[in-house]
C-alpha atoms as a PDB file:
ATOM      1  CA  MET A   1      11.521 -26.438  11.451  1.00  0.00           C
ATOM      2  CA  HIS A   2      11.916 -22.619  10.679  1.00  0.00           C
ATOM      3  CA  LYS A   3      10.315 -21.083   7.763  1.00  0.00           C
ATOM      4  CA  PRO A   4      11.979 -18.438   5.899  1.00  0.00           C
ATOM      5  CA  ARG A   5      10.347 -15.216   6.046  1.00  0.00           C
ATOM      6  CA  ILE A   6       8.924 -13.279   2.829  1.00  0.00           C
ATOM      7  CA  LEU A   7       7.883  -9.314   3.104  1.00  0.00           C
ATOM      8  CA  PHE A   8       5.403  -8.339   0.388  1.00  0.00           C
ATOM      9  CA  ARG A   9       5.768  -4.629  -0.461  1.00  0.00           C
ATOM     10  CA  ALA A  10       2.545  -3.598  -2.104  1.00  0.00           C
ATOM     11  CA  ASP A  11      -0.323  -0.780  -2.160  1.00  0.00           C
ATOM     12  CA  GLY A  12      -3.727  -0.335  -2.982  1.00  0.00           C
ATOM     13  CA  ASN A  13      -7.072   1.895  -2.846  1.00  0.00           C
ATOM     14  CA  ASN A  14      -9.805   3.177  -4.737  1.00  0.00           C
ATOM     15  CA  LYS A  15      -7.440   5.618  -6.720  1.00  0.00           C
ATOM     16  CA  ILE A  16      -5.284   2.810  -8.035  1.00  0.00           C
ATOM     17  CA  GLY A  17      -7.213  -0.602  -7.576  1.00  0.00           C
ATOM     18  CA  LEU A  18      -6.275  -3.462  -5.334  1.00  0.00           C
ATOM     19  CA  GLY A  19      -4.167  -5.157  -8.624  1.00  0.00           C
ATOM     20  CA  HIS A  20      -0.886  -5.272  -6.585  1.00  0.00           C
ATOM     21  CA  ILE A  21      -1.940  -6.603  -3.313  1.00  0.00           C
ATOM     22  CA  MET A  22      -4.216  -9.131  -4.894  1.00  0.00           C
ATOM     23  CA  ARG A  23      -1.041 -10.330  -6.700  1.00  0.00           C
ATOM     24  CA  CYS A  24       0.890 -10.533  -4.179  1.00  0.00           C
ATOM     25  CA  ILE A  25      -1.929 -12.510  -1.873  1.00  0.00           C
ATOM     26  CA  ALA A  26      -1.945 -15.227  -5.021  1.00  0.00           C
ATOM     27  CA  LEU A  27       1.550 -15.688  -4.704  1.00  0.00           C
ATOM     28  CA  SER A  28       1.703 -15.571  -0.984  1.00  0.00           C
ATOM     29  CA  GLU A  29      -0.938 -18.295  -1.250  1.00  0.00           C
ATOM     30  CA  MET A  30       1.217 -20.630  -3.225  1.00  0.00           C
ATOM     31  CA  LEU A  31       4.301 -20.219  -0.645  1.00  0.00           C
ATOM     32  CA  SER A  32       2.967 -19.952   2.769  1.00  0.00           C
ATOM     33  CA  PRO A  33       3.403 -23.997   3.208  1.00  0.00           C
ATOM     34  CA  ASN A  34       6.977 -22.631   3.117  1.00  0.00           C
ATOM     35  CA  PHE A  35       7.190 -19.533   4.127  1.00  0.00           C
ATOM     36  CA  ASN A  36       6.298 -17.043   6.664  1.00  0.00           C
ATOM     37  CA  CYS A  37       4.442 -14.329   5.182  1.00  0.00           C
ATOM     38  CA  VAL A  38       4.154 -10.710   6.171  1.00  0.00           C
ATOM     39  CA  PHE A  39       2.285  -7.534   4.054  1.00  0.00           C
ATOM     40  CA  LEU A  40       3.999  -4.160   4.576  1.00  0.00           C
ATOM     41  CA  ILE A  41       0.900  -1.825   3.639  1.00  0.00           C
ATOM     42  CA  SER A  42       0.724   1.791   3.566  1.00  0.00           C
ATOM     43  CA  LYS A  43      -2.596   3.152   5.396  1.00  0.00           C
ATOM     44  CA  PRO A  44      -4.869   0.057   4.113  1.00  0.00           C
ATOM     45  CA  SER A  45      -8.297   0.400   4.607  1.00  0.00           C
ATOM     46  CA  LEU A  46     -10.208  -1.662   7.457  1.00  0.00           C
ATOM     47  CA  GLU A  47     -11.508  -3.510   4.515  1.00  0.00           C
ATOM     48  CA  LEU A  48      -8.264  -4.129   3.025  1.00  0.00           C
ATOM     49  CA  GLN A  49      -6.740  -4.958   6.406  1.00  0.00           C
ATOM     50  CA  SER A  50      -9.616  -7.598   7.407  1.00  0.00           C
ATOM     51  CA  ILE A  51      -8.566  -9.278   3.647  1.00  0.00           C
ATOM     52  CA  ILE A  52      -5.074  -9.403   3.697  1.00  0.00           C
ATOM     53  CA  ARG A  53      -4.768 -10.609   7.772  1.00  0.00           C
ATOM     54  CA  THR A  54      -6.641 -13.785   6.066  1.00  0.00           C
ATOM     55  CA  PHE A  55      -3.262 -14.516   4.427  1.00  0.00           C
ATOM     56  CA  GLY A  56      -0.601 -13.332   6.430  1.00  0.00           C
ATOM     57  CA  ASP A  57       0.924 -10.917   9.147  1.00  0.00           C
ATOM     58  CA  LEU A  58       0.157  -6.926   8.018  1.00  0.00           C
ATOM     59  CA  ILE A  59       2.485  -4.063   9.398  1.00  0.00           C
ATOM     60  CA  GLU A  60       0.754  -0.744   8.290  1.00  0.00           C
ATOM     61  CA  LEU A  61       3.339   1.731   7.626  1.00  0.00           C
ATOM     62  CA  LYS A  62       2.622   5.552   8.707  1.00  0.00           C
ATOM     63  CA  SER A  63       4.962   7.199   6.803  1.00  0.00           C
ATOM     64  CA  ASN A  64       4.050   9.985   3.684  1.00  0.00           C
ATOM     65  CA  THR A  65       6.883   9.494   1.473  1.00  0.00           C
ATOM     66  CA  LYS A  66       9.343   6.811   0.192  1.00  0.00           C
ATOM     67  CA  ILE A  67      12.549   8.348   2.104  1.00  0.00           C
ATOM     68  CA  ASP A  68      10.252   8.546   5.307  1.00  0.00           C
ATOM     69  CA  GLU A  69       9.568   5.008   4.673  1.00  0.00           C
ATOM     70  CA  LEU A  70      12.685   3.734   4.315  1.00  0.00           C
ATOM     71  CA  PHE A  71      13.459   4.700   7.813  1.00  0.00           C
ATOM     72  CA  GLU A  72      10.274   3.524   9.101  1.00  0.00           C
ATOM     73  CA  ILE A  73      10.833  -0.226   7.771  1.00  0.00           C
ATOM     74  CA  THR A  74      14.520  -0.619   8.430  1.00  0.00           C
ATOM     75  CA  PRO A  75      14.131  -1.862  11.942  1.00  0.00           C
ATOM     76  CA  LEU A  76      11.700  -4.341  10.587  1.00  0.00           C
ATOM     77  CA  LEU A  77      14.562  -5.944   7.996  1.00  0.00           C
ATOM     78  CA  LEU A  78      16.148  -8.888   8.459  1.00  0.00           C
ATOM     79  CA  SER A  79      19.414 -10.258   7.084  1.00  0.00           C
ATOM     80  CA  THR A  80      17.616 -13.138   5.857  1.00  0.00           C
ATOM     81  CA  ASP A  81      14.578 -11.801   4.330  1.00  0.00           C
ATOM     82  CA  ILE A  82      13.609 -12.214   0.927  1.00  0.00           C
ATOM     83  CA  VAL A  83      11.438  -8.776  -0.115  1.00  0.00           C
ATOM     84  CA  VAL A  84       8.816  -8.594  -2.729  1.00  0.00           C
ATOM     85  CA  THR A  85       7.896  -5.091  -3.839  1.00  0.00           C
ATOM     86  CA  ASP A  86       4.722  -5.326  -6.702  1.00  0.00           C
ATOM     87  CA  GLY A  87       4.133  -1.261  -7.385  1.00  0.00           C
ATOM     88  CA  TYR A  88       5.199   1.404  -9.691  1.00  0.00           C
ATOM     89  CA  ASP A  89       6.492   3.769  -6.622  1.00  0.00           C
ATOM     90  CA  PHE A  90       9.666   2.017  -5.689  1.00  0.00           C
ATOM     91  CA  ASN A  91      12.276   3.467  -7.737  1.00  0.00           C
ATOM     92  CA  ASN A  92      15.899   2.074  -7.615  1.00  0.00           C
ATOM     93  CA  VAL A  93      16.990   4.221  -4.858  1.00  0.00           C
ATOM     94  CA  TYR A  94      14.478   2.453  -2.435  1.00  0.00           C
ATOM     95  CA  LEU A  95      15.325  -0.818  -4.067  1.00  0.00           C
ATOM     96  CA  LYS A  96      19.017  -0.695  -3.270  1.00  0.00           C
ATOM     97  CA  TYR A  97      18.255   0.490  -0.118  1.00  0.00           C
ATOM     98  CA  ILE A  98      16.578  -2.396   0.889  1.00  0.00           C
ATOM     99  CA  LYS A  99      18.488  -5.109  -1.308  1.00  0.00           C
ATOM    100  CA  CYS A 100      21.602  -4.625   0.727  1.00  0.00           C
ATOM    101  CA  ARG A 101      19.903  -5.057   3.886  1.00  0.00           C
ATOM    102  CA  VAL A 102      17.997  -8.290   3.097  1.00  0.00           C
ATOM    103  CA  HIS A 103      18.834 -11.490   1.766  1.00  0.00           C
ATOM    104  CA  LYS A 104      17.107 -11.223  -1.793  1.00  0.00           C
ATOM    105  CA  LEU A 105      15.139  -8.945  -3.499  1.00  0.00           C
ATOM    106  CA  VAL A 106      12.146  -9.720  -6.033  1.00  0.00           C
ATOM    107  CA  VAL A 107      10.175  -7.726  -8.070  1.00  0.00           C
ATOM    108  CA  ILE A 108       6.844  -8.307  -9.773  1.00  0.00           C
ATOM    109  CA  ASP A 109       6.955  -6.047 -12.679  1.00  0.00           C
ATOM    110  CA  ASP A 110       4.221  -4.800 -16.017  1.00  0.00           C
ATOM    111  CA  LEU A 111       6.544  -2.748 -18.192  1.00  0.00           C
ATOM    112  CA  ALA A 112       9.648  -3.576 -18.440  1.00  0.00           C
ATOM    113  CA  LYS A 113      11.170   0.225 -17.895  1.00  0.00           C
ATOM    114  CA  GLY A 114      14.089   0.920 -16.446  1.00  0.00           C
ATOM    115  CA  GLU A 115      17.277  -1.119 -14.771  1.00  0.00           C
ATOM    116  CA  PHE A 116      16.424  -3.982 -12.425  1.00  0.00           C
ATOM    117  CA  ILE A 117      18.685  -4.769  -9.560  1.00  0.00           C
ATOM    118  CA  ALA A 118      16.313  -7.493  -8.074  1.00  0.00           C
ATOM    119  CA  ASP A 119      17.480 -11.460  -7.844  1.00  0.00           C
ATOM    120  CA  LEU A 120      14.288 -12.652  -9.342  1.00  0.00           C
ATOM    121  CA  VAL A 121      11.686 -10.403 -11.757  1.00  0.00           C
ATOM    122  CA  ILE A 122       8.406 -12.052 -12.422  1.00  0.00           C
ATOM    123  CA  ASN A 123       6.058 -10.644 -15.337  1.00  0.00           C
ATOM    124  CA  HIS A 124       3.121 -13.131 -16.215  1.00  0.00           C
ATOM    125  CA  GLY A 125       2.013 -10.866 -18.742  1.00  0.00           C
ATOM    126  CA  GLY A 126       4.918  -9.848 -20.065  1.00  0.00           C
ATOM    127  CA  GLU A 127       6.331 -12.639 -23.017  1.00  0.00           C
ATOM    128  CA  TYR A 128       5.931  -9.904 -25.590  1.00  0.00           C
ATOM    129  CA  ILE A 129       8.298  -7.373 -24.198  1.00  0.00           C
ATOM    130  CA  LYS A 130      11.115  -9.948 -21.981  1.00  0.00           C
ATOM    131  CA  ASP A 131      13.760  -8.516 -25.013  1.00  0.00           C
ATOM    132  CA  LYS A 132      13.404  -5.069 -22.931  1.00  0.00           C
ATOM    133  CA  TYR A 133      14.251  -6.107 -20.018  1.00  0.00           C
ATOM    134  CA  LYS A 134      17.457  -4.538 -18.733  1.00  0.00           C
ATOM    135  CA  THR A 135      18.788  -6.352 -15.725  1.00  0.00           C
ATOM    136  CA  GLU A 136      22.003  -7.418 -13.957  1.00  0.00           C
ATOM    137  CA  SER A 137      24.379 -10.398 -14.528  1.00  0.00           C
ATOM    138  CA  TYR A 138      22.830 -12.168 -11.614  1.00  0.00           C
ATOM    139  CA  THR A 139      18.717 -11.469 -12.196  1.00  0.00           C
ATOM    140  CA  ARG A 140      16.539 -13.996 -13.110  1.00  0.00           C
ATOM    141  CA  LEU A 141      13.485 -13.535 -15.114  1.00  0.00           C
ATOM    142  CA  LEU A 142      10.214 -15.173 -14.949  1.00  0.00           C
ATOM    143  CA  ILE A 143       8.334 -14.223 -18.040  1.00  0.00           C
ATOM    144  CA  GLY A 144       4.980 -15.278 -19.639  1.00  0.00           C
ATOM    145  CA  PHE A 145       2.221 -17.832 -18.792  1.00  0.00           C
ATOM    146  CA  ASP A 146       4.295 -20.566 -17.168  1.00  0.00           C
ATOM    147  CA  TYR A 147       4.817 -18.185 -14.077  1.00  0.00           C
ATOM    148  CA  LEU A 148       0.958 -17.324 -13.570  1.00  0.00           C
ATOM    149  CA  ILE A 149       0.110 -15.707 -10.180  1.00  0.00           C
ATOM    150  CA  VAL A 150      -3.117 -16.355  -9.576  1.00  0.00           C
ATOM    151  CA  ARG A 151      -4.821 -17.980  -6.562  1.00  0.00           C
ATOM    152  CA  LYS A 152      -5.019 -21.581  -5.513  1.00  0.00           C
ATOM    153  CA  ALA A 153      -8.787 -22.025  -6.527  1.00  0.00           C
ATOM    154  CA  PHE A 154      -7.604 -20.369 -10.202  1.00  0.00           C
ATOM    155  CA  ILE A 155      -4.789 -23.355 -10.072  1.00  0.00           C
ATOM    156  CA  GLN A 156      -7.211 -25.975  -9.013  1.00  0.00           C
ATOM    157  CA  ALA A 157      -9.763 -25.052 -12.068  1.00  0.00           C
ATOM    158  CA  LEU A 158      -7.050 -25.172 -14.655  1.00  0.00           C
ATOM    159  CA  THR A 159      -7.649 -28.973 -14.835  1.00  0.00           C
ATOM    160  CA  LYS A 160     -11.435 -28.261 -15.881  1.00  0.00           C
ATOM    161  CA  ASN A 161     -12.230 -29.158 -19.823  1.00  0.00           C
ATOM    162  CA  ARG A 162     -15.373 -26.962 -21.211  1.00  0.00           C
ATOM    163  CA  VAL A 163     -17.740 -26.509 -23.906  1.00  0.00           C
ATOM    164  CA  ILE A 164     -19.766 -23.955 -24.725  1.00  0.00           C
ATOM    165  CA  ASP A 165     -23.428 -24.692 -26.175  1.00  0.00           C
ATOM    166  CA  GLU A 166     -25.047 -21.482 -25.563  1.00  0.00           C
ATOM    167  CA  ILE A 167     -24.300 -17.607 -25.038  1.00  0.00           C
ATOM    168  CA  GLU A 168     -26.808 -15.691 -22.525  1.00  0.00           C
ATOM    169  CA  THR A 169     -24.774 -15.243 -19.399  1.00  0.00           C
ATOM    170  CA  VAL A 170     -21.929 -12.638 -19.176  1.00  0.00           C
ATOM    171  CA  PHE A 171     -19.431 -12.221 -16.340  1.00  0.00           C
ATOM    172  CA  ILE A 172     -18.262  -8.523 -15.831  1.00  0.00           C
ATOM    173  CA  CYS A 173     -15.608  -7.476 -13.400  1.00  0.00           C
ATOM    174  CA  MET A 174     -13.202  -4.391 -14.182  1.00  0.00           C
ATOM    175  CA  GLY A 175     -11.601  -4.828 -11.079  1.00  0.00           C
ATOM    176  CA  GLY A 176     -12.218  -4.604  -6.994  1.00  0.00           C
ATOM    177  CA  ALA A 177     -11.904  -0.709  -7.318  1.00  0.00           C
ATOM    178  CA  ASP A 178     -12.717   0.507 -11.046  1.00  0.00           C
ATOM    179  CA  PRO A 179     -11.278   3.736 -10.448  1.00  0.00           C
ATOM    180  CA  PHE A 180     -12.092   4.555 -13.778  1.00  0.00           C
ATOM    181  CA  SER A 181     -16.050   3.780 -13.745  1.00  0.00           C
ATOM    182  CA  VAL A 182     -15.787   1.357 -16.542  1.00  0.00           C
ATOM    183  CA  THR A 183     -18.309  -1.009 -15.243  1.00  0.00           C
ATOM    184  CA  THR A 184     -21.485   0.944 -15.762  1.00  0.00           C
ATOM    185  CA  LYS A 185     -20.902   1.350 -19.485  1.00  0.00           C
ATOM    186  CA  VAL A 186     -19.958  -2.000 -20.072  1.00  0.00           C
ATOM    187  CA  ILE A 187     -23.429  -3.137 -18.498  1.00  0.00           C
ATOM    188  CA  LYS A 188     -25.293  -0.658 -20.106  1.00  0.00           C
ATOM    189  CA  ALA A 189     -23.604  -2.130 -23.433  1.00  0.00           C
ATOM    190  CA  CYS A 190     -24.296  -5.923 -22.418  1.00  0.00           C
ATOM    191  CA  ILE A 191     -28.213  -4.779 -21.716  1.00  0.00           C
ATOM    192  CA  LYS A 192     -28.619  -3.376 -25.226  1.00  0.00           C
ATOM    193  CA  SER A 193     -26.979  -6.107 -27.287  1.00  0.00           C
ATOM    194  CA  GLY A 194     -29.855  -8.068 -28.123  1.00  0.00           C
ATOM    195  CA  PHE A 195     -28.378 -11.378 -26.781  1.00  0.00           C
ATOM    196  CA  VAL A 196     -27.503 -10.681 -23.288  1.00  0.00           C
ATOM    197  CA  LYS A 197     -29.924 -12.444 -20.873  1.00  0.00           C
ATOM    198  CA  ASN A 198     -28.338 -12.557 -17.732  1.00  0.00           C
ATOM    199  CA  ILE A 199     -25.642 -10.513 -16.074  1.00  0.00           C
ATOM    200  CA  ILE A 200     -23.233 -11.143 -12.941  1.00  0.00           C
ATOM    201  CA  VAL A 201     -21.064  -7.941 -11.683  1.00  0.00           C
ATOM    202  CA  VAL A 202     -17.932  -8.345  -8.978  1.00  0.00           C
ATOM    203  CA  ILE A 203     -16.703  -5.300  -7.438  1.00  0.00           C
ATOM    204  CA  GLY A 204     -14.952  -4.763  -4.497  1.00  0.00           C
ATOM    205  CA  ASN A 205     -15.143  -3.120  -1.026  1.00  0.00           C
ATOM    206  CA  ALA A 206     -12.994  -0.410  -2.881  1.00  0.00           C
ATOM    207  CA  TYR A 207     -15.385   0.657  -5.380  1.00  0.00           C
ATOM    208  CA  VAL A 208     -16.842   3.949  -5.012  1.00  0.00           C
ATOM    209  CA  ASN A 209     -19.664   4.551  -7.215  1.00  0.00           C
ATOM    210  CA  THR A 210     -21.978   1.633  -5.792  1.00  0.00           C
ATOM    211  CA  ASN A 211     -25.218   4.118  -5.752  1.00  0.00           C
ATOM    212  CA  ASP A 212     -25.034   4.777  -9.383  1.00  0.00           C
ATOM    213  CA  LEU A 213     -24.233   1.184 -10.097  1.00  0.00           C
ATOM    214  CA  ILE A 214     -27.360  -0.571  -8.119  1.00  0.00           C
ATOM    215  CA  ASN A 215     -29.876   2.165  -9.701  1.00  0.00           C
ATOM    216  CA  LEU A 216     -28.502   0.716 -12.943  1.00  0.00           C
ATOM    217  CA  ILE A 217     -29.406  -2.429 -12.253  1.00  0.00           C
ATOM    218  CA  GLU A 218     -32.319  -1.935 -10.518  1.00  0.00           C
ATOM    219  CA  ASN A 219     -34.148   0.830 -12.394  1.00  0.00           C
ATOM    220  CA  GLU A 220     -32.433   0.670 -16.103  1.00  0.00           C
ATOM    221  CA  ASN A 221     -32.104  -3.307 -16.735  1.00  0.00           C
ATOM    222  CA  GLU A 222     -34.751  -3.247 -19.396  1.00  0.00           C
ATOM    223  CA  GLY A 223     -36.149  -6.927 -17.984  1.00  0.00           C
ATOM    224  CA  ILE A 224     -31.793  -8.234 -18.125  1.00  0.00           C
ATOM    225  CA  ASN A 225     -31.614 -10.479 -14.886  1.00  0.00           C
ATOM    226  CA  ILE A 226     -28.233  -8.434 -13.592  1.00  0.00           C
ATOM    227  CA  LYS A 227     -26.675 -10.323 -10.342  1.00  0.00           C
ATOM    228  CA  LEU A 228     -24.376  -7.439  -8.234  1.00  0.00           C
ATOM    229  CA  GLU A 229     -21.374  -9.213  -5.749  1.00  0.00           C
ATOM    230  CA  ARG A 230     -19.106  -7.502  -3.760  1.00  0.00           C
ATOM    231  CA  ASN A 231     -15.597  -8.732  -2.571  1.00  0.00           C
ATOM    232  CA  LEU A 232     -16.046 -12.496  -3.398  1.00  0.00           C
ATOM    233  CA  SER A 233     -13.152 -15.267  -2.495  1.00  0.00           C
ATOM    234  CA  ALA A 234     -11.272 -16.974  -5.377  1.00  0.00           C
ATOM    235  CA  GLU A 235     -13.229 -19.625  -4.602  1.00  0.00           C
ATOM    236  CA  LEU A 236     -16.359 -17.905  -5.172  1.00  0.00           C
ATOM    237  CA  MET A 237     -15.054 -16.189  -8.591  1.00  0.00           C
ATOM    238  CA  VAL A 238     -14.597 -19.306  -9.933  1.00  0.00           C
ATOM    239  CA  ASP A 239     -17.839 -20.355  -9.564  1.00  0.00           C
ATOM    240  CA  MET A 240     -19.371 -17.046 -11.165  1.00  0.00           C
ATOM    241  CA  ILE A 241     -16.950 -17.412 -13.942  1.00  0.00           C
ATOM    242  CA  SER A 242     -18.081 -20.892 -14.661  1.00  0.00           C
ATOM    243  CA  ALA A 243     -21.692 -19.699 -14.272  1.00  0.00           C
ATOM    244  CA  CYS A 244     -21.006 -17.726 -17.703  1.00  0.00           C
ATOM    245  CA  GLN A 245     -20.375 -18.166 -21.034  1.00  0.00           C
ATOM    246  CA  LEU A 246     -18.530 -14.514 -21.769  1.00  0.00           C
ATOM    247  CA  SER A 247     -16.361 -12.785 -19.700  1.00  0.00           C
ATOM    248  CA  ILE A 248     -15.358  -8.960 -19.953  1.00  0.00           C
ATOM    249  CA  CYS A 249     -12.480  -7.782 -17.883  1.00  0.00           C
ATOM    250  CA  PRO A 250      -9.496  -5.673 -18.224  1.00  0.00           C
ATOM    251  CA  ALA A 251      -6.302  -6.984 -19.237  1.00  0.00           C
ATOM    252  CA  SER A 252      -5.040  -7.428 -15.697  1.00  0.00           C
ATOM    253  CA  SER A 253      -4.567 -10.634 -13.230  1.00  0.00           C
ATOM    254  CA  ILE A 254      -8.450 -10.782 -13.584  1.00  0.00           C
ATOM    255  CA  SER A 255      -8.478 -11.832 -17.087  1.00  0.00           C
ATOM    256  CA  LEU A 256      -5.542 -14.340 -16.543  1.00  0.00           C
ATOM    257  CA  GLU A 257      -7.952 -15.667 -14.187  1.00  0.00           C
ATOM    258  CA  VAL A 258     -10.876 -16.241 -16.422  1.00  0.00           C
ATOM    259  CA  CYS A 259      -8.352 -18.215 -18.559  1.00  0.00           C
ATOM    260  CA  CYS A 260      -8.108 -20.383 -16.008  1.00  0.00           C
ATOM    261  CA  VAL A 261     -11.655 -21.048 -15.569  1.00  0.00           C
ATOM    262  CA  LYS A 262     -12.099 -20.829 -19.516  1.00  0.00           C
ATOM    263  CA  SER A 263     -14.494 -18.777 -20.867  1.00  0.00           C
ATOM    264  CA  GLY A 264     -15.221 -16.236 -23.387  1.00  0.00           C
ATOM    265  CA  LEU A 265     -13.132 -13.398 -22.880  1.00  0.00           C
ATOM    266  CA  LEU A 266     -13.761  -9.639 -23.979  1.00  0.00           C
ATOM    267  CA  THR A 267     -10.511  -7.817 -22.840  1.00  0.00           C
ATOM    268  CA  GLY A 268      -9.312  -4.359 -23.094  1.00  0.00           C
ATOM    269  CA  THR A 269      -6.803  -1.818 -21.526  1.00  0.00           C
ATOM    270  CA  VAL A 270      -7.887   1.119 -18.625  1.00  0.00           C
ATOM    271  CA  ILE A 271      -4.464   1.383 -17.632  1.00  0.00           C
ATOM    272  CA  ASP A 272      -1.168   1.649 -19.325  1.00  0.00           C
ATOM    273  CA  ASN A 273       0.336  -1.312 -17.172  1.00  0.00           C
ATOM    274  CA  GLN A 274      -1.960  -3.713 -19.506  1.00  0.00           C
ATOM    275  CA  PHE A 275      -0.613  -2.880 -22.285  1.00  0.00           C
ATOM    276  CA  ALA A 276       1.661  -6.253 -22.570  1.00  0.00           C
ATOM    277  CA  ILE A 277      -0.836  -8.743 -20.981  1.00  0.00           C
ATOM    278  CA  HIS A 278      -3.200  -7.561 -23.422  1.00  0.00           C
ATOM    279  CA  GLU A 279      -0.785  -8.368 -26.171  1.00  0.00           C
ATOM    280  CA  GLN A 280      -0.257 -11.942 -24.481  1.00  0.00           C
ATOM    281  CA  LEU A 281      -3.858 -12.623 -24.319  1.00  0.00           C
ATOM    282  CA  ILE A 282      -4.764 -11.238 -27.719  1.00  0.00           C
ATOM    283  CA  ARG A 283      -1.312 -12.745 -29.838  1.00  0.00           C
ATOM    284  CA  LYS A 284      -1.867 -16.390 -28.179  1.00  0.00           C
ATOM    285  CA  GLY A 285      -5.837 -16.141 -29.258  1.00  0.00           C
ATOM    286  CA  CYS A 286      -7.327 -16.484 -25.519  1.00  0.00           C
ATOM    287  CA  ALA A 287      -9.168 -13.302 -26.130  1.00  0.00           C
ATOM    288  CA  MET A 288     -10.828 -10.436 -28.273  1.00  0.00           C
ATOM    289  CA  SER A 289     -10.200  -6.960 -27.938  1.00  0.00           C
ATOM    290  CA  ILE A 290     -11.829  -3.628 -27.199  1.00  0.00           C
ATOM    291  CA  GLY A 291      -9.275  -1.510 -27.184  1.00  0.00           C
ATOM    292  CA  ASP A 292      -9.076   0.893 -24.667  1.00  0.00           C
ATOM    293  CA  PHE A 293     -11.909   0.901 -22.279  1.00  0.00           C
ATOM    294  CA  ASN A 294     -11.950   4.527 -21.671  1.00  0.00           C
ATOM    295  CA  LYS A 295     -12.032   5.131 -24.826  1.00  0.00           C
ATOM    296  CA  ALA A 296     -14.819   2.763 -26.221  1.00  0.00           C
ATOM    297  CA  THR A 297     -18.295   4.031 -26.189  1.00  0.00           C
ATOM    298  CA  ILE A 298     -21.429   2.091 -25.581  1.00  0.00           C
ATOM    299  CA  GLU A 299     -21.642   1.274 -28.949  1.00  0.00           C
ATOM    300  CA  ASP A 300     -18.015   0.342 -29.594  1.00  0.00           C
ATOM    301  CA  ILE A 301     -18.656  -2.538 -26.935  1.00  0.00           C
ATOM    302  CA  ILE A 302     -22.017  -3.875 -28.213  1.00  0.00           C
ATOM    303  CA  THR A 303     -19.865  -3.741 -31.708  1.00  0.00           C
ATOM    304  CA  ALA A 304     -17.242  -6.565 -30.086  1.00  0.00           C
ATOM    305  CA  LEU A 305     -20.046  -8.393 -28.130  1.00  0.00           C
ATOM    306  CA  ASN A 306     -21.702  -9.176 -31.441  1.00  0.00           C
ATOM    307  CA  GLU A 307     -18.313 -10.174 -32.881  1.00  0.00           C
ATOM    308  CA  VAL A 308     -18.192 -12.273 -29.988  1.00  0.00           C
ATOM    309  CA  ASN A 309     -21.129 -14.120 -30.183  1.00  0.00           C
ATOM    310  CA  SER A 310     -20.887 -17.167 -31.687  1.00  0.00           C
ATOM    311  CA  VAL A 311     -20.359 -20.742 -29.807  1.00  0.00           C
ATOM    312  CA  GLU A 312     -17.900 -21.454 -32.340  1.00  0.00           C
ATOM    313  CA  ARG A 313     -15.965 -18.118 -31.630  1.00  0.00           C
ATOM    314  CA  ILE A 314     -15.864 -18.950 -27.653  1.00  0.00           C
ATOM    315  CA  ASN A 315     -15.093 -22.547 -27.944  1.00  0.00           C
ATOM    316  CA  GLU A 316     -12.237 -21.579 -30.048  1.00  0.00           C
ATOM    317  CA  LEU A 317     -11.041 -18.965 -27.454  1.00  0.00           C
ATOM    318  CA  ILE A 318     -11.346 -21.267 -24.630  1.00  0.00           C
ATOM    319  CA  ARG A 319      -8.892 -23.731 -26.907  1.00  0.00           C
ATOM    320  CA  CYS A 320      -6.637 -21.225 -26.975  1.00  0.00           C
ATOM    321  CA  GLN A 321      -6.641 -20.530 -22.747  1.00  0.00           C
ATOM    322  CA  LYS A 322      -6.356 -24.278 -22.371  1.00  0.00           C
ATOM    323  CA  LEU A 323      -3.395 -24.236 -24.627  1.00  0.00           C
ATOM    324  CA  ALA A 324      -1.706 -20.989 -22.659  1.00  0.00           C
ATOM    325  CA  THR A 325      -2.126 -22.329 -19.492  1.00  0.00           C
ATOM    326  CA  MET A 326      -1.660 -26.021 -19.567  1.00  0.00           C
ATOM    327  CA  ARG A 327       1.622 -25.359 -17.859  1.00  0.00           C
ATOM    328  CA  VAL A 328       0.934 -23.310 -15.233  1.00  0.00           C
ATOM    329  CA  HIS A 329       1.553 -24.732 -11.792  1.00  0.00           C
ATOM    330  CA  ASN A 330       2.462 -23.777  -8.233  1.00  0.00           C
ATOM    331  CA  GLU A 331       5.720 -25.551  -8.223  1.00  0.00           C
ATOM    332  CA  GLU A 332       7.516 -23.644 -11.004  1.00  0.00           C
ATOM    333  CA  LEU A 333       7.283 -20.131  -8.803  1.00  0.00           C
ATOM    334  CA  LEU A 334       8.199 -22.350  -5.472  1.00  0.00           C
ATOM    335  CA  LYS A 335      11.057 -23.928  -6.405  1.00  0.00           C
ATOM    336  CA  GLU A 336      12.375 -20.509  -7.304  1.00  0.00           C
ATOM    337  CA  PHE A 337      11.569 -18.876  -3.847  1.00  0.00           C
ATOM    338  CA  MET A 338      12.875 -22.285  -2.398  1.00  0.00           C
ATOM    339  CA  LYS A 339      16.185 -21.590  -4.602  1.00  0.00           C
ATOM    340  CA  LEU A 340      16.401 -17.737  -3.031  1.00  0.00           C
ATOM    341  CA  SER A 341      16.159 -18.831   0.344  1.00  0.00           C
ATOM    342  CA  LEU A 342      19.313 -21.002   0.656  1.00  0.00           C
END
C-alpha cells in the first residue's frame, strides 16, 4: 500500500540548538509506520545528517535566503504532500506559498504570535497561551500535554511508576547545543551544593565548549563523580534520567521528556520560546523554577537545589508529572495526521 509523504522543514546548529529538528524527529518516529518521512534541512552538519538519516530521507537545502529556498523546494513539492514546519523563520509569505502547492500544512509552534494559516497547529507546551492563537476557521489546534511530541522511548517510559527514597544523583542536560553555555554553571552549583554525590551530564554533537567542560569535570570536581555523555539515543536518555533522582533542564522538550520518565525537576528558560512550556510545567506542579538560566548565578542555582533537596518534595513533583502525562500516547497525533491525509 502506498504511504502518504510528510516533508519536515526545520533547522538546527550550534547557534540555535537542535530542538526544532529533534521535535520533528520525534514526530516522524510516531508517524513513520503510516507515512514516508522526508527531512528538508538547510546546510546540516555531517553529525546532524547522520542523526536525521536514521529516521527518514534527507534533502539538504543550499539556499541562503527564504525567497531563494522557495525556488529550490518548489520542484520537490507534490500536491499530495503534508508539510510540517518547526521554526521561527517561516513567515506567512513562505507558508502561503507552500500551502497552495501541497495537500496540507502543519505548524509546530511555541509562541502563539501572528496569524496562523496552517491546517493544523501543534504546541505541546501552550496550554496557558491557547487563547492567544489567531487562526483560520479551518485550523485545528492541538495544545498541551495530551499532544506531547517526544520520542518513542519516552512514551514507553510513561507506564512506569517511580518513588524516590534518596537524593544524590543529578541529571543535567541543557540541550544538545547549549548555545548559551549554561551547563558549566549548573555543574559548578551542583558541586557546591553539599548534597550531590554524582552528576550525569548529557551534551550533543553541536555543543561547542567541550574542552572547557572536560577541564571542569576532570580538574574542578571536588571529589564529585561526574559522568559526561554525548549524543545519546532516546533509550539511553531514559536510562540516564532513570538513574538520577533530580534533573536540571531548560523548559524545552527535554523537560517534557523528563516528565515522561519521572524525576525531580529544576527548570528555567534560556530563550523566549521556552516561556510557555515553563508556565505549563510550573502551574501543573511538575517542576520547580530557577527562572532565567542566563541571569541565574551559581548561588541562585544552589538556593534552588537546596529548596528541592527533599524526598517528599521530589515525590510530589513526580506525582504531578504522572497526572499531567497520564493521557499521552502516540495514537492521538497519528489519528490527526491520518485525517489530514484523506
